[in-house]
Amino acid sequence: MKKYYIELPYIAVLKVEVNAESEEEALEKLAEADKVNIFRGKIDDISFIDEDWNYHEQVTQRNMSNSTQYNMFIEEVEKGDDDKLV
């Protein structure tokens, strides 16, 4: 059996909900969090929603990018009647 070392360029989008007092605090919590624990649901203030992985032979080629999302998106989540995150 042969062994191969692989570096695979990929683009991913992590979708979470973060309990925080401000957008800045939410970003800090996410940046400081252990990403594996986010996926496992072990962080009280961060709820994993989904992830979107796009594999490419190259992420960029000359002046063309294969990225599907260029900017970070953040918004406050509305609360439902029972005060749970929707």
C-alpha atoms as a PDB file:
ATOM      1  CA  MET A   1       0.000   0.000   0.000  1.00  0.00           C
ATOM      2  CA  LYS A   2       1.357   3.434  -0.921  1.00  0.00           C
ATOM      3  CA  LYS A   3       1.067   6.538   1.241  1.00  0.00           C
ATOM      4  CA  TYR A   4       0.306   9.944  -0.215  1.00  0.00           C
ATOM      5  CA  TYR A   5       0.751  13.408   1.266  1.00  0.00           C
ATOM      6  CA  ILE A   6      -1.972  15.708  -0.028  1.00  0.00           C
ATOM      7  CA  GLU A   7      -2.577  19.428   0.266  1.00  0.00           C
ATOM      8  CA  LEU A   8      -6.080  20.056  -1.006  1.00  0.00           C
ATOM      9  CA  PRO A   9      -7.117  23.646  -1.645  1.00  0.00           C
ATOM     10  CA  TYR A  10     -10.642  24.186  -0.437  1.00  0.00           C
ATOM     11  CA  ILE A  11     -13.054  26.949   0.323  1.00  0.00           C
ATOM     12  CA  ALA A  12     -15.448  26.507   3.215  1.00  0.00           C
ATOM     13  CA  VAL A  13     -18.193  28.469   4.879  1.00  0.00           C
ATOM     14  CA  LEU A  14     -18.933  27.751   8.540  1.00  0.00           C
ATOM     15  CA  LYS A  15     -22.476  28.641   9.594  1.00  0.00           C
ATOM     16  CA  VAL A  16     -23.088  29.151  13.328  1.00  0.00           C
ATOM     17  CA  GLU A  17     -25.228  31.099  15.785  1.00  0.00           C
ATOM     18  CA  VAL A  18     -23.375  32.841  18.611  1.00  0.00           C
ATOM     19  CA  ASN A  19     -24.879  34.213  21.830  1.00  0.00           C
ATOM     20  CA  ALA A  20     -23.203  37.567  22.539  1.00  0.00           C
ATOM     21  CA  GLU A  21     -23.927  41.172  23.484  1.00  0.00           C
ATOM     22  CA  SER A  22     -22.520  42.610  20.236  1.00  0.00           C
ATOM     23  CA  GLU A  23     -21.229  41.614  16.809  1.00  0.00           C
ATOM     24  CA  GLU A  24     -17.687  42.264  18.005  1.00  0.00           C
ATOM     25  CA  GLU A  25     -18.103  39.937  20.994  1.00  0.00           C
ATOM     26  CA  ALA A  26     -19.690  37.283  18.751  1.00  0.00           C
ATOM     27  CA  LEU A  27     -16.717  37.423  16.381  1.00  0.00           C
ATOM     28  CA  GLU A  28     -14.254  37.220  19.288  1.00  0.00           C
ATOM     29  CA  LYS A  29     -16.007  34.171  20.730  1.00  0.00           C
ATOM     30  CA  LEU A  30     -15.968  32.439  17.365  1.00  0.00           C
ATOM     31  CA  ALA A  31     -12.340  33.313  16.632  1.00  0.00           C
ATOM     32  CA  GLU A  32     -11.188  32.041  20.044  1.00  0.00           C
ATOM     33  CA  ALA A  33     -13.305  28.873  20.032  1.00  0.00           C
ATOM     34  CA  ASP A  34     -11.883  25.414  19.372  1.00  0.00           C
ATOM     35  CA  LYS A  35     -13.352  24.595  15.961  1.00  0.00           C
ATOM     36  CA  VAL A  36     -13.582  20.852  16.694  1.00  0.00           C
ATOM     37  CA  ASN A  37     -15.706  21.579  19.769  1.00  0.00           C
ATOM     38  CA  ILE A  38     -17.979  23.787  17.646  1.00  0.00           C
ATOM     39  CA  PHE A  39     -18.677  20.828  15.322  1.00  0.00           C
ATOM     40  CA  ARG A  40     -19.299  18.556  18.327  1.00  0.00           C
ATOM     41  CA  GLY A  41     -21.718  21.028  19.943  1.00  0.00           C
ATOM     42  CA  LYS A  42     -19.601  21.357  23.091  1.00  0.00           C
ATOM     43  CA  ILE A  43     -19.574  25.177  23.311  1.00  0.00           C
ATOM     44  CA  ASP A  44     -22.566  26.680  25.108  1.00  0.00           C
ATOM     45  CA  ASP A  45     -22.618  30.042  23.315  1.00  0.00           C
ATOM     46  CA  ILE A  46     -21.985  28.734  19.782  1.00  0.00           C
ATOM     47  CA  SER A  47     -24.440  26.526  17.879  1.00  0.00           C
ATOM     48  CA  PHE A  48     -23.211  24.758  14.749  1.00  0.00           C
ATOM     49  CA  ILE A  49     -25.715  25.071  11.900  1.00  0.00           C
ATOM     50  CA  ASP A  50     -24.013  23.857   8.743  1.00  0.00           C
ATOM     51  CA  GLU A  51     -20.866  23.894   6.682  1.00  0.00           C
ATOM     52  CA  ASP A  52     -20.395  24.207   2.953  1.00  0.00           C
ATOM     53  CA  TRP A  53     -17.224  22.763   1.426  1.00  0.00           C
ATOM     54  CA  ASN A  54     -16.145  23.434  -2.125  1.00  0.00           C
ATOM     55  CA  TYR A  55     -13.071  21.580  -3.353  1.00  0.00           C
ATOM     56  CA  HIS A  56     -11.013  22.973  -6.212  1.00  0.00           C
ATOM     57  CA  GLU A  57      -7.881  22.005  -8.068  1.00  0.00           C
ATOM     58  CA  GLN A  58      -6.863  25.622  -7.559  1.00  0.00           C
ATOM     59  CA  VAL A  59      -8.476  28.261  -5.355  1.00  0.00           C
ATOM     60  CA  THR A  60      -7.237  31.023  -7.646  1.00  0.00           C
ATOM     61  CA  GLN A  61      -5.844  31.021 -11.148  1.00  0.00           C
ATOM     62  CA  ARG A  62      -4.247  34.211 -12.467  1.00  0.00           C
ATOM     63  CA  ASN A  63      -6.733  36.932 -11.532  1.00  0.00           C
ATOM     64  CA  MET A  64      -9.730  34.585 -11.255  1.00  0.00           C
ATOM     65  CA  SER A  65     -11.024  33.252  -7.956  1.00  0.00           C
ATOM     66  CA  ASN A  66     -13.098  30.115  -7.483  1.00  0.00           C
ATOM     67  CA  SER A  67     -14.408  31.344  -4.149  1.00  0.00           C
ATOM     68  CA  THR A  68     -18.170  31.288  -3.686  1.00  0.00           C
ATOM     69  CA  GLN A  69     -18.214  33.755  -0.801  1.00  0.00           C
ATOM     70  CA  TYR A  70     -15.861  36.703  -0.396  1.00  0.00           C
ATOM     71  CA  ASN A  71     -17.155  38.596   2.613  1.00  0.00           C
ATOM     72  CA  MET A  72     -18.090  37.642   6.147  1.00  0.00           C
ATOM     73  CA  PHE A  73     -21.813  37.877   6.889  1.00  0.00           C
ATOM     74  CA  ILE A  74     -23.182  38.484  10.360  1.00  0.00           C
ATOM     75  CA  GLU A  75     -26.631  39.391  11.602  1.00  0.00           C
ATOM     76  CA  GLU A  76     -28.582  39.199  14.805  1.00  0.00           C
ATOM     77  CA  VAL A  77     -30.933  36.212  15.013  1.00  0.00           C
ATOM     78  CA  GLU A  78     -34.572  36.980  15.727  1.00  0.00           C
ATOM     79  CA  LYS A  79     -36.126  35.328  18.755  1.00  0.00           C
ATOM     80  CA  GLY A  80     -39.383  33.367  18.529  1.00  0.00           C
ATOM     81  CA  ASP A  81     -42.368  33.396  20.881  1.00  0.00           C
ATOM     82  CA  ASP A  82     -40.756  30.908  23.254  1.00  0.00           C
ATOM     83  CA  ASP A  83     -37.552  32.999  23.371  1.00  0.00           C
ATOM     84  CA  LYS A  84     -35.461  30.319  21.646  1.00  0.00           C
ATOM     85  CA  LEU A  85     -33.196  31.054  18.721  1.00  0.00           C
ATOM     86  CA  VAL A  86     -34.969  30.536  15.396  1.00  0.00           C
END
